[in-house]
Amino acid sequence: MDLPVRYWQMHRLSLSSGVRGYDVRALPIAKEFLQQQATAQLPTQLIDLFQTPDATAVQTQAESGLCLRCYVSQPIVRACQKLANLFGSGHQFSYRDLLPFVLNDDGKQLVVLSEDKTEHLQVDQQNQTQPIAYKAFSIEVLKTYQVDPKKSLSLDNWTYLKTKQHPELKQFLAEFGFQHLSDWAMLNRVRSRQFASLSEPDQNLVTAFHAVYRRDRQQQTVKGPKRCPEPTTAQLTEMRSQLLGDDMSGGLSDTTDRELLTALKQVATQLRQFDVWQSREPLDYFDAASGQYETRSDLPHAAIDVESNEEQAMLEALNAKLAATFPTSLQIAVTARITKLAKSRKYAAFADKFVLGLQHYYRDGLSLKELVPMLGMSSWDQARRILNPGELLNHVRSQTITQLIDHVLELVKANSLAPWPPSPDYLQQLTEQLEGFADAEIFDAAAAEMKSGSHRNFDSHYATQLLQLLDTITPHQPIQD
């Protein structure tokens, strides 16, 4: 029987020859355990074994976990490579510098989780367990993963998401200027170059935000909170009044608080893109006395003229293509799903309820279980097969990234930016970079919302655009291609 090598070969941190990197080691214990398992349902069956405490089967739990630790070690390395590709250009670091933060499992110990999942327990040769202080990141990834078809993220994608969110790794990137400021901090400390890159309606939004939010921040005492909280209802009301009073509402004259928040977040996303792609702005720190973010004095103050930077031209092209591609991909995916349901003998009767179900799921935050009686369905599993918001997200993501890749390859060929036809390595690197770009702009936030449990609040760009699209669809009349 051919065994998937990912479940018994572990990517491990290596310092051989004095160069930090990684190597791949076979773990005989994992391979022997895997030989005894039915591989058709991997990794689901292994996750069930690992996440279910059983005092009578500690060895099985630990060995299934070891197989999974091997499995996630590969996407951990790939996540570091993607982050380095996105942020490392022009800086003195590579993906190898990111590995020690997250690739810290050597596979030498068998480990299980305590019943409440708060402790890592080492398993000895007598199948006895004892707590260990050292916590491997791979086990933290597995501890938080949920095997739930309605929550779409594969174990690979979940590992990638958790790696990007690792606090120490994020702090490392912050040392190079890639700080993970909140949307409100991004808007509060906008620079003149960033402001100039915005459209006039977006500039008006920032001006109103500063007139109210920044004013209130500056009036806070030194003891006030350093983090920039979400604008209050009173602040949002005052911002709308300013926009209307100065006749610069930009189409937001009848906006609600939530719509204004969404518009402000979209502007913050543009500012974040500016930082990521320019990637030369010095690191900021918050000055409690002034209530503003100030530039560190120990870093260079000069910034590259982005107007002459080729990356700015590429950013503009990518932004424009993403803005055009994403809504089209969303429309294609929704239309295809409705058409497929309508042609299905088993689910044709529920085709009309697809739109209504997703509206309640995203707008009202209802779970699939709560939607079962509302939509007249027989079970959660039936609701999942019919609505399946996670599958829809994956289809939209795949379609969007494919179109981005095609567009960039057209630019590469037309401008002779790389040898043609491109090599497989070039295509792989390009794909990873565009996946990272699209995920950071749209799909990571959308996936994280699905994972947030009960009382979810869907306000990502994906959710907002999907609801706008669903509102244009009536039963028996799906949108036209």
Protein backbone atom coordinates (compact mmCIF):
# COMPACT_ATOMS: atom_id res chain seq x y z
CA MET A 1 0.00 0.00 0.00
CA ASP A 2 1.32 3.44 -0.96
CA LEU A 3 1.31 5.66 2.11
CA PRO A 4 1.08 9.46 1.75
CA VAL A 5 4.57 10.61 2.68
CA ARG A 6 3.27 13.87 4.14
CA TYR A 7 1.96 11.92 7.13
CA TRP A 8 5.28 10.31 8.05
CA GLN A 9 7.93 12.76 6.83
CA MET A 10 8.43 15.88 8.91
CA HIS A 11 9.89 19.23 7.85
CA ARG A 12 12.18 20.19 10.72
CA LEU A 13 14.35 23.17 11.52
CA SER A 14 17.96 22.54 10.55
CA LEU A 15 21.18 24.38 11.34
CA SER A 16 23.47 22.10 9.36
CA SER A 17 26.56 23.78 7.91
CA GLY A 18 25.75 26.82 10.01
CA VAL A 19 22.89 27.84 7.68
CA ARG A 20 19.41 28.08 9.14
CA GLY A 21 16.88 26.20 7.04
CA TYR A 22 14.96 22.99 7.15
CA ASP A 23 15.34 19.34 6.30
CA VAL A 24 12.85 16.51 5.86
CA ARG A 25 13.12 13.47 8.13
CA ALA A 26 11.21 10.21 8.00
CA LEU A 27 9.59 9.20 11.30
CA PRO A 28 9.27 5.40 11.50
CA ILE A 29 6.71 5.53 14.31
CA ALA A 30 4.37 7.64 12.18
CA LYS A 31 4.85 5.38 9.16
CA GLU A 32 4.17 2.21 11.13
CA PHE A 33 1.03 3.73 12.64
CA LEU A 34 -0.19 4.87 9.24
CA GLN A 35 0.19 1.36 7.83
CA GLN A 36 -2.49 0.21 10.26
CA GLN A 37 -5.00 2.89 9.21
CA ALA A 38 -7.46 3.14 6.34
CA THR A 39 -6.11 6.05 4.32
CA ALA A 40 -9.34 6.90 2.48
CA GLN A 41 -10.51 9.37 5.13
CA LEU A 42 -7.22 11.11 5.89
CA PRO A 43 -6.73 13.50 7.59
CA THR A 44 -10.23 13.53 9.12
CA GLN A 45 -9.90 10.23 10.95
CA LEU A 46 -6.50 11.22 12.37
CA ILE A 47 -7.85 14.53 13.63
CA ASP A 48 -10.77 12.77 15.31
CA LEU A 49 -8.36 10.40 17.05
CA PHE A 50 -5.99 13.17 18.13
CA GLN A 51 -8.60 15.63 19.37
CA THR A 52 -10.63 13.05 21.34
CA PRO A 53 -9.02 12.36 24.73
CA ASP A 54 -9.15 8.67 25.66
CA ALA A 55 -7.23 7.40 28.65
CA THR A 56 -7.38 3.86 27.24
CA ALA A 57 -5.92 4.84 23.86
CA VAL A 58 -3.25 7.42 24.66
CA GLN A 59 -0.73 5.79 22.32
CA THR A 60 -3.17 5.87 19.42
CA GLN A 61 -4.00 9.50 20.13
CA ALA A 62 -0.33 10.45 20.28
CA GLU A 63 0.68 8.56 17.12
CA SER A 64 -2.21 9.98 15.11
CA GLY A 65 -1.08 13.40 16.29
CA LEU A 66 2.47 12.66 15.16
CA CYS A 67 1.20 11.87 11.66
CA LEU A 68 -0.69 15.16 11.61
CA ARG A 69 2.34 17.06 12.90
CA CYS A 70 4.26 15.71 9.91
CA TYR A 71 1.42 16.80 7.63
CA VAL A 72 1.22 20.41 8.82
CA SER A 73 4.99 20.89 8.82
CA GLN A 74 4.94 21.30 5.03
CA PRO A 75 2.34 24.12 4.85
CA ILE A 76 4.15 25.86 7.72
CA VAL A 77 7.29 26.04 5.56
CA ARG A 78 5.27 27.13 2.52
CA ALA A 79 3.57 29.86 4.54
CA CYS A 80 6.96 31.24 5.55
CA GLN A 81 8.07 31.17 1.92
CA LYS A 82 4.92 33.01 0.84
CA LEU A 83 5.34 35.67 3.51
CA ALA A 84 8.98 36.16 2.58
CA ASN A 85 8.05 36.46 -1.10
CA LEU A 86 5.46 39.08 -0.28
CA PHE A 87 7.42 41.10 2.26
CA GLY A 88 11.06 40.16 1.97
CA SER A 89 11.99 41.92 -1.26
CA GLY A 90 14.58 44.60 -0.58
CA HIS A 91 15.04 43.56 3.06
CA GLN A 92 17.72 41.52 4.72
CA PHE A 93 15.62 38.50 5.57
CA SER A 94 14.31 35.39 3.86
CA TYR A 95 11.85 32.67 4.71
CA ARG A 96 14.63 30.90 6.67
CA ASP A 97 14.52 33.72 9.20
CA LEU A 98 10.81 33.08 9.76
CA LEU A 99 11.11 29.32 10.30
CA PRO A 100 12.32 29.34 13.95
CA PHE A 101 9.13 31.05 15.07
CA VAL A 102 6.83 28.33 13.75
CA LEU A 103 8.85 25.27 12.68
CA ASN A 104 9.73 24.26 16.23
CA ASP A 105 8.58 20.63 16.28
CA ASP A 106 11.28 17.97 15.91
CA GLY A 107 8.90 15.00 16.22
CA LYS A 108 11.02 13.36 18.90
CA GLN A 109 8.28 13.27 21.51
CA LEU A 110 4.82 11.75 21.45
CA VAL A 111 2.39 14.41 22.63
CA VAL A 112 -1.34 14.53 23.36
CA LEU A 113 -3.63 17.27 24.59
CA SER A 114 -5.22 17.46 28.01
CA GLU A 115 -8.96 16.96 28.18
CA ASP A 116 -9.61 20.71 28.18
CA LYS A 117 -6.97 21.20 25.47
CA THR A 118 -5.03 23.72 27.56
CA GLU A 119 -1.92 21.59 28.16
CA HIS A 120 0.50 19.56 26.04
CA LEU A 121 1.17 16.19 27.63
CA GLN A 122 4.21 14.08 26.86
CA VAL A 123 3.59 10.34 26.53
CA ASP A 124 6.30 8.02 27.89
CA GLN A 125 7.01 4.35 27.07
CA GLN A 126 4.53 3.21 29.72
CA ASN A 127 1.79 5.33 28.12
CA GLN A 128 1.85 7.67 31.09
CA THR A 129 1.45 11.39 30.50
CA GLN A 130 2.92 14.45 32.14
CA PRO A 131 2.64 18.15 31.28
CA ILE A 132 5.42 19.79 29.29
CA ALA A 133 6.03 23.53 29.24
CA TYR A 134 7.32 23.63 25.66
CA LYS A 135 4.50 23.96 23.15
CA ALA A 136 5.16 23.04 19.54
CA PHE A 137 3.38 25.32 17.08
CA SER A 138 2.21 22.36 14.98
CA ILE A 139 0.20 21.05 17.94
CA GLU A 140 -1.29 24.49 18.52
CA VAL A 141 -2.46 24.42 14.89
CA LEU A 142 -4.04 21.00 15.32
CA LYS A 143 -5.64 21.93 18.62
CA THR A 144 -7.67 24.71 17.03
CA TYR A 145 -8.62 22.99 13.78
CA GLN A 146 -12.25 21.99 13.39
CA VAL A 147 -13.34 19.13 11.15
CA ASP A 148 -16.58 20.68 10.02
CA PRO A 149 -17.70 20.54 6.37
CA LYS A 150 -19.62 23.81 6.69
CA LYS A 151 -16.43 25.64 7.64
CA SER A 152 -14.59 24.87 4.46
CA LEU A 153 -10.96 25.56 5.34
CA SER A 154 -8.71 22.61 4.59
CA LEU A 155 -6.01 21.68 7.10
CA ASP A 156 -3.43 23.18 4.71
CA ASN A 157 -5.26 26.50 4.53
CA TRP A 158 -5.89 26.54 8.27
CA THR A 159 -2.18 25.99 8.89
CA TYR A 160 -1.31 28.83 6.52
CA LEU A 161 -3.77 31.15 8.29
CA LYS A 162 -2.47 30.26 11.76
CA THR A 163 1.14 30.71 10.64
CA LYS A 164 0.44 34.21 9.35
CA GLN A 165 -1.24 35.05 12.65
CA HIS A 166 1.63 33.81 14.84
CA PRO A 167 2.40 36.70 17.24
CA GLU A 168 6.20 36.43 17.22
CA LEU A 169 6.33 36.08 13.45
CA LYS A 170 4.11 39.15 13.07
CA GLN A 171 6.39 41.03 15.46
CA PHE A 172 9.40 40.07 13.36
CA LEU A 173 7.73 41.50 10.26
CA ALA A 174 6.85 44.62 12.25
CA GLU A 175 10.55 45.20 12.83
CA PHE A 176 10.83 45.70 9.07
CA GLY A 177 7.90 48.09 8.90
CA PHE A 178 5.09 45.59 8.29
CA GLN A 179 3.20 46.38 11.45
CA HIS A 180 -0.25 44.88 11.85
CA LEU A 181 -2.14 47.99 12.80
CA SER A 182 -5.89 47.95 13.13
CA ASP A 183 -7.99 49.60 10.43
CA TRP A 184 -8.59 52.55 12.74
CA ALA A 185 -4.89 52.97 13.47
CA MET A 186 -4.19 52.88 9.71
CA LEU A 187 -6.74 55.65 9.12
CA ASN A 188 -5.60 57.65 12.15
CA ARG A 189 -1.96 57.83 11.03
CA VAL A 190 -2.40 58.17 7.25
CA ARG A 191 0.52 59.96 5.56
CA SER A 192 0.40 62.56 2.81
CA ARG A 193 1.64 60.10 0.16
CA GLN A 194 -1.02 57.60 1.13
CA PHE A 195 -3.70 60.28 1.17
CA ALA A 196 -2.71 61.48 -2.28
CA SER A 197 -3.08 57.95 -3.67
CA LEU A 198 -6.78 57.78 -2.70
CA SER A 199 -9.76 58.78 -4.82
CA GLU A 200 -11.57 62.01 -3.95
CA PRO A 201 -14.51 60.26 -2.21
CA ASP A 202 -12.07 58.21 -0.14
CA GLN A 203 -10.07 61.33 0.72
CA ASN A 204 -13.31 62.90 1.96
CA LEU A 205 -13.92 59.90 4.19
CA VAL A 206 -10.43 60.19 5.66
CA THR A 207 -10.86 63.93 6.20
CA ALA A 208 -14.11 63.38 8.11
CA PHE A 209 -12.51 60.55 10.08
CA HIS A 210 -9.61 62.77 11.11
CA ALA A 211 -11.88 65.69 12.01
CA VAL A 212 -13.74 63.51 14.51
CA TYR A 213 -11.70 60.45 15.45
CA ARG A 214 -8.22 61.96 15.44
CA ARG A 215 -9.52 64.99 17.34
CA ASP A 216 -10.90 62.73 20.06
CA ARG A 217 -7.67 60.73 20.20
CA GLN A 218 -5.62 63.88 20.64
CA GLN A 219 -7.86 65.01 23.50
CA GLN A 220 -7.30 61.79 25.42
CA THR A 221 -5.04 61.92 28.45
CA VAL A 222 -1.73 60.09 28.60
CA LYS A 223 -3.47 57.36 30.59
CA GLY A 224 -5.94 56.72 27.81
CA PRO A 225 -5.88 53.51 25.73
CA LYS A 226 -3.03 53.21 23.27
CA ARG A 227 -4.92 50.98 20.84
CA CYS A 228 -7.28 52.63 18.41
CA PRO A 229 -10.78 51.28 19.16
CA GLU A 230 -13.65 51.07 16.69
CA PRO A 231 -15.40 54.44 16.20
CA THR A 232 -18.34 54.95 18.52
CA THR A 233 -21.90 55.54 17.33
CA ALA A 234 -21.58 59.21 18.28
CA GLN A 235 -18.38 59.56 16.27
CA LEU A 236 -19.92 57.90 13.21
CA THR A 237 -22.94 60.21 13.43
CA GLU A 238 -20.66 63.24 13.57
CA MET A 239 -18.64 61.97 10.61
CA ARG A 240 -21.80 61.63 8.53
CA SER A 241 -22.85 65.14 9.51
CA GLN A 242 -19.50 66.49 8.41
CA LEU A 243 -19.66 64.64 5.11
CA LEU A 244 -23.12 66.04 4.41
CA GLY A 245 -22.35 69.53 5.70
CA ASP A 246 -19.30 69.84 3.47
CA ASP A 247 -21.18 68.33 0.51
CA MET A 248 -18.60 65.58 0.15
CA SER A 249 -20.63 62.53 1.10
CA GLY A 250 -19.51 60.60 -1.96
CA GLY A 251 -22.77 58.70 -2.21
CA LEU A 252 -22.95 58.03 1.54
CA SER A 253 -25.71 60.53 2.33
CA ASP A 254 -28.14 57.84 3.50
CA THR A 255 -25.56 55.49 4.91
CA THR A 256 -26.01 53.53 8.13
CA ASP A 257 -23.33 53.17 10.79
CA ARG A 258 -22.45 49.72 9.48
CA GLU A 259 -22.16 50.94 5.88
CA LEU A 260 -19.94 53.83 6.94
CA LEU A 261 -17.75 51.41 8.92
CA THR A 262 -17.48 49.19 5.84
CA ALA A 263 -16.50 52.16 3.65
CA LEU A 264 -13.84 53.23 6.16
CA LYS A 265 -12.46 49.69 6.37
CA GLN A 266 -12.17 49.57 2.58
CA VAL A 267 -10.11 52.76 2.67
CA ALA A 268 -7.93 51.25 5.40
CA THR A 269 -7.38 48.24 3.14
CA GLN A 270 -6.05 50.53 0.42
CA LEU A 271 -3.70 52.17 2.94
CA ARG A 272 -2.50 48.76 4.05
CA GLN A 273 -1.81 47.81 0.42
CA PHE A 274 0.23 50.98 0.05
CA ASP A 275 2.39 49.95 3.01
CA VAL A 276 2.77 46.36 1.89
CA TRP A 277 3.69 47.06 -1.71
CA GLN A 278 5.78 50.14 -1.10
CA SER A 279 7.23 48.30 1.90
CA ARG A 280 9.80 50.98 2.58
CA GLU A 281 7.96 53.18 5.07
CA PRO A 282 9.68 53.33 8.48
CA LEU A 283 8.11 51.63 11.48
CA ASP A 284 5.77 53.76 13.60
CA TYR A 285 5.19 53.88 17.32
CA PHE A 286 2.24 55.31 19.24
CA ASP A 287 2.96 58.51 21.19
CA ALA A 288 0.47 58.56 24.08
CA ALA A 289 1.09 62.27 24.74
CA SER A 290 0.04 63.36 21.26
CA GLY A 291 -2.38 60.51 20.58
CA GLN A 292 -0.76 59.91 17.20
CA TYR A 293 1.62 57.47 15.56
CA GLU A 294 5.12 58.88 15.18
CA THR A 295 8.04 57.69 13.08
CA ARG A 296 10.85 55.94 14.93
CA SER A 297 13.89 58.19 15.14
CA ASP A 298 16.34 55.30 14.77
CA LEU A 299 15.13 54.42 11.28
CA PRO A 300 15.64 56.26 7.98
CA HIS A 301 13.00 58.88 7.24
CA ALA A 302 13.37 58.91 3.48
CA ALA A 303 10.90 56.89 1.45
CA ILE A 304 11.31 55.73 -2.10
CA ASP A 305 9.43 57.80 -4.63
CA VAL A 306 6.67 55.36 -5.43
CA GLU A 307 5.66 57.28 -8.51
CA SER A 308 8.81 55.98 -10.18
CA ASN A 309 8.64 52.55 -8.61
CA GLU A 310 7.62 49.68 -10.89
CA GLU A 311 5.96 47.98 -7.92
CA GLN A 312 3.46 50.83 -7.73
CA ALA A 313 2.47 50.25 -11.34
CA MET A 314 2.07 46.54 -10.67
CA LEU A 315 0.05 47.27 -7.54
CA GLU A 316 -2.30 49.52 -9.45
CA ALA A 317 -2.73 46.86 -12.14
CA LEU A 318 -3.39 44.15 -9.54
CA ASN A 319 -5.82 46.31 -7.60
CA ALA A 320 -7.73 47.16 -10.75
CA LYS A 321 -7.82 43.54 -11.88
CA LEU A 322 -8.87 42.27 -8.46
CA ALA A 323 -11.61 44.89 -8.27
CA ALA A 324 -12.92 43.72 -11.65
CA THR A 325 -12.28 40.00 -11.25
CA PHE A 326 -13.69 39.34 -7.80
CA PRO A 327 -17.30 40.49 -8.48
CA THR A 328 -17.29 38.54 -11.75
CA SER A 329 -16.02 35.40 -10.04
CA LEU A 330 -18.63 35.82 -7.32
CA GLN A 331 -21.40 36.15 -9.88
CA ILE A 332 -20.22 33.11 -11.84
CA ALA A 333 -19.98 30.95 -8.73
CA VAL A 334 -23.41 31.92 -7.37
CA THR A 335 -25.10 31.49 -10.76
CA ALA A 336 -23.44 28.11 -11.28
CA ARG A 337 -24.55 26.95 -7.84
CA ILE A 338 -28.18 27.97 -8.40
CA THR A 339 -28.20 26.34 -11.83
CA LYS A 340 -26.72 23.13 -10.45
CA LEU A 341 -29.34 22.94 -7.70
CA ALA A 342 -32.17 23.63 -10.15
CA LYS A 343 -31.02 20.74 -12.36
CA SER A 344 -30.60 18.34 -9.46
CA ARG A 345 -33.37 15.79 -9.01
CA LYS A 346 -32.61 15.59 -5.31
CA TYR A 347 -32.32 19.29 -4.47
CA ALA A 348 -34.27 21.13 -7.20
CA ALA A 349 -37.03 21.95 -4.71
CA PHE A 350 -34.52 23.88 -2.61
CA ALA A 351 -32.92 25.92 -5.39
CA ASP A 352 -35.14 28.90 -4.60
CA LYS A 353 -34.00 28.80 -0.97
CA PHE A 354 -30.29 29.02 -1.73
CA VAL A 355 -30.29 32.83 -1.88
CA LEU A 356 -32.54 33.19 1.18
CA GLY A 357 -30.38 30.78 3.16
CA LEU A 358 -27.13 32.62 2.39
CA GLN A 359 -28.76 35.96 3.19
CA HIS A 360 -29.74 34.72 6.65
CA TYR A 361 -26.32 33.10 7.10
CA TYR A 362 -24.32 36.24 6.26
CA ARG A 363 -26.68 39.07 7.19
CA ASP A 364 -28.19 37.61 10.36
CA GLY A 365 -25.29 35.39 11.42
CA LEU A 366 -27.51 32.30 11.64
CA SER A 367 -25.86 28.89 11.68
CA LEU A 368 -26.79 26.13 9.25
CA LYS A 369 -28.45 24.30 12.13
CA GLU A 370 -30.66 27.32 12.81
CA LEU A 371 -31.55 27.56 9.12
CA VAL A 372 -32.84 23.97 8.86
CA PRO A 373 -36.40 24.61 10.14
CA MET A 374 -36.53 28.06 8.59
CA LEU A 375 -35.84 26.66 5.11
CA GLY A 376 -37.92 23.51 5.55
CA MET A 377 -34.94 21.18 5.36
CA SER A 378 -34.63 17.83 7.09
CA SER A 379 -31.20 18.11 8.74
CA TRP A 380 -28.04 20.13 9.20
CA ASP A 381 -26.29 17.86 6.71
CA GLN A 382 -28.89 18.64 4.06
CA ALA A 383 -28.53 22.38 4.72
CA ARG A 384 -24.76 22.04 4.42
CA ARG A 385 -24.98 20.20 1.07
CA ILE A 386 -27.39 22.77 -0.37
CA LEU A 387 -25.94 26.05 0.95
CA ASN A 388 -22.30 25.11 1.61
CA PRO A 389 -20.94 28.67 2.00
CA GLY A 390 -17.43 27.31 2.45
CA GLU A 391 -17.47 25.57 -0.91
CA LEU A 392 -18.79 28.73 -2.54
CA LEU A 393 -15.93 30.72 -1.00
CA ASN A 394 -13.39 28.23 -2.33
CA HIS A 395 -14.86 28.39 -5.84
CA VAL A 396 -14.80 32.19 -5.86
CA ARG A 397 -11.22 32.22 -4.57
CA SER A 398 -10.04 29.72 -7.18
CA GLN A 399 -11.72 31.58 -10.03
CA THR A 400 -10.37 34.94 -8.85
CA ILE A 401 -6.78 33.75 -8.49
CA THR A 402 -6.86 31.99 -11.86
CA GLN A 403 -7.91 35.22 -13.57
CA LEU A 404 -5.26 37.20 -11.69
CA ILE A 405 -2.57 34.76 -12.82
CA ASP A 406 -3.71 34.98 -16.45
CA HIS A 407 -3.71 38.78 -16.26
CA VAL A 408 -0.22 39.02 -14.77
CA LEU A 409 1.17 36.57 -17.30
CA GLU A 410 -0.23 38.77 -20.06
CA LEU A 411 1.59 41.75 -18.53
CA VAL A 412 4.80 39.72 -18.19
CA LYS A 413 4.68 38.65 -21.83
CA ALA A 414 3.69 42.05 -23.20
CA ASN A 415 6.41 43.88 -21.27
CA SER A 416 9.12 41.18 -21.46
CA LEU A 417 9.39 41.11 -17.68
CA ALA A 418 10.60 37.50 -17.63
CA PRO A 419 11.74 34.82 -20.08
CA TRP A 420 8.88 33.41 -22.15
CA PRO A 421 7.46 30.86 -21.80
CA PRO A 422 7.90 31.11 -18.01
CA SER A 423 9.61 28.31 -16.14
CA PRO A 424 7.68 26.06 -13.74
CA ASP A 425 9.51 27.64 -10.78
CA TYR A 426 8.49 31.10 -11.94
CA LEU A 427 4.86 30.01 -12.32
CA GLN A 428 4.85 28.45 -8.87
CA GLN A 429 6.31 31.56 -7.24
CA LEU A 430 3.89 33.81 -9.12
CA THR A 431 0.96 31.65 -8.06
CA GLU A 432 2.01 31.76 -4.41
CA GLN A 433 2.45 35.53 -4.48
CA LEU A 434 -0.93 36.13 -6.08
CA GLU A 435 -2.60 33.69 -3.70
CA GLY A 436 -1.09 35.62 -0.80
CA PHE A 437 -2.22 38.93 -2.32
CA ALA A 438 -5.81 37.79 -2.91
CA ASP A 439 -6.02 36.07 0.46
CA ALA A 440 -4.75 39.13 2.30
CA GLU A 441 -7.17 41.43 0.49
CA ILE A 442 -10.33 39.28 0.50
CA PHE A 443 -10.32 35.61 1.35
CA ASP A 444 -8.46 35.29 4.66
CA ALA A 445 -10.94 37.60 6.37
CA ALA A 446 -13.88 35.78 4.79
CA ALA A 447 -12.60 32.39 5.95
CA ALA A 448 -11.85 33.68 9.45
CA GLU A 449 -15.44 34.88 9.80
CA MET A 450 -16.71 31.36 9.17
CA LYS A 451 -14.41 30.05 11.89
CA SER A 452 -15.47 32.56 14.50
CA GLY A 453 -18.20 30.38 16.06
CA SER A 454 -21.55 31.57 17.36
CA HIS A 455 -22.71 35.21 17.24
CA ARG A 456 -20.68 35.80 14.10
CA ASN A 457 -20.60 39.19 12.46
CA PHE A 458 -19.95 39.04 8.72
CA ASP A 459 -18.55 42.39 7.63
CA SER A 460 -15.67 41.38 5.36
CA HIS A 461 -15.45 42.66 1.81
CA TYR A 462 -16.43 39.20 0.58
CA ALA A 463 -19.56 39.07 2.75
CA THR A 464 -20.55 42.61 1.83
CA GLN A 465 -20.22 41.99 -1.91
CA LEU A 466 -21.99 38.64 -1.70
CA LEU A 467 -24.98 40.15 0.10
CA GLN A 468 -25.20 42.95 -2.45
CA LEU A 469 -25.22 40.34 -5.20
CA LEU A 470 -27.81 38.15 -3.48
CA ASP A 471 -30.10 41.16 -3.07
CA THR A 472 -30.29 41.43 -6.88
CA ILE A 473 -31.46 37.85 -7.32
CA THR A 474 -35.11 36.80 -7.19
CA PRO A 475 -36.46 33.21 -7.19
CA HIS A 476 -36.38 31.56 -10.62
CA GLN A 477 -34.41 34.53 -11.94
CA PRO A 478 -30.72 34.07 -11.20
CA ILE A 479 -28.41 36.80 -12.40
CA GLN A 480 -27.46 36.70 -16.03
CA ASP A 481 -23.93 36.00 -17.18
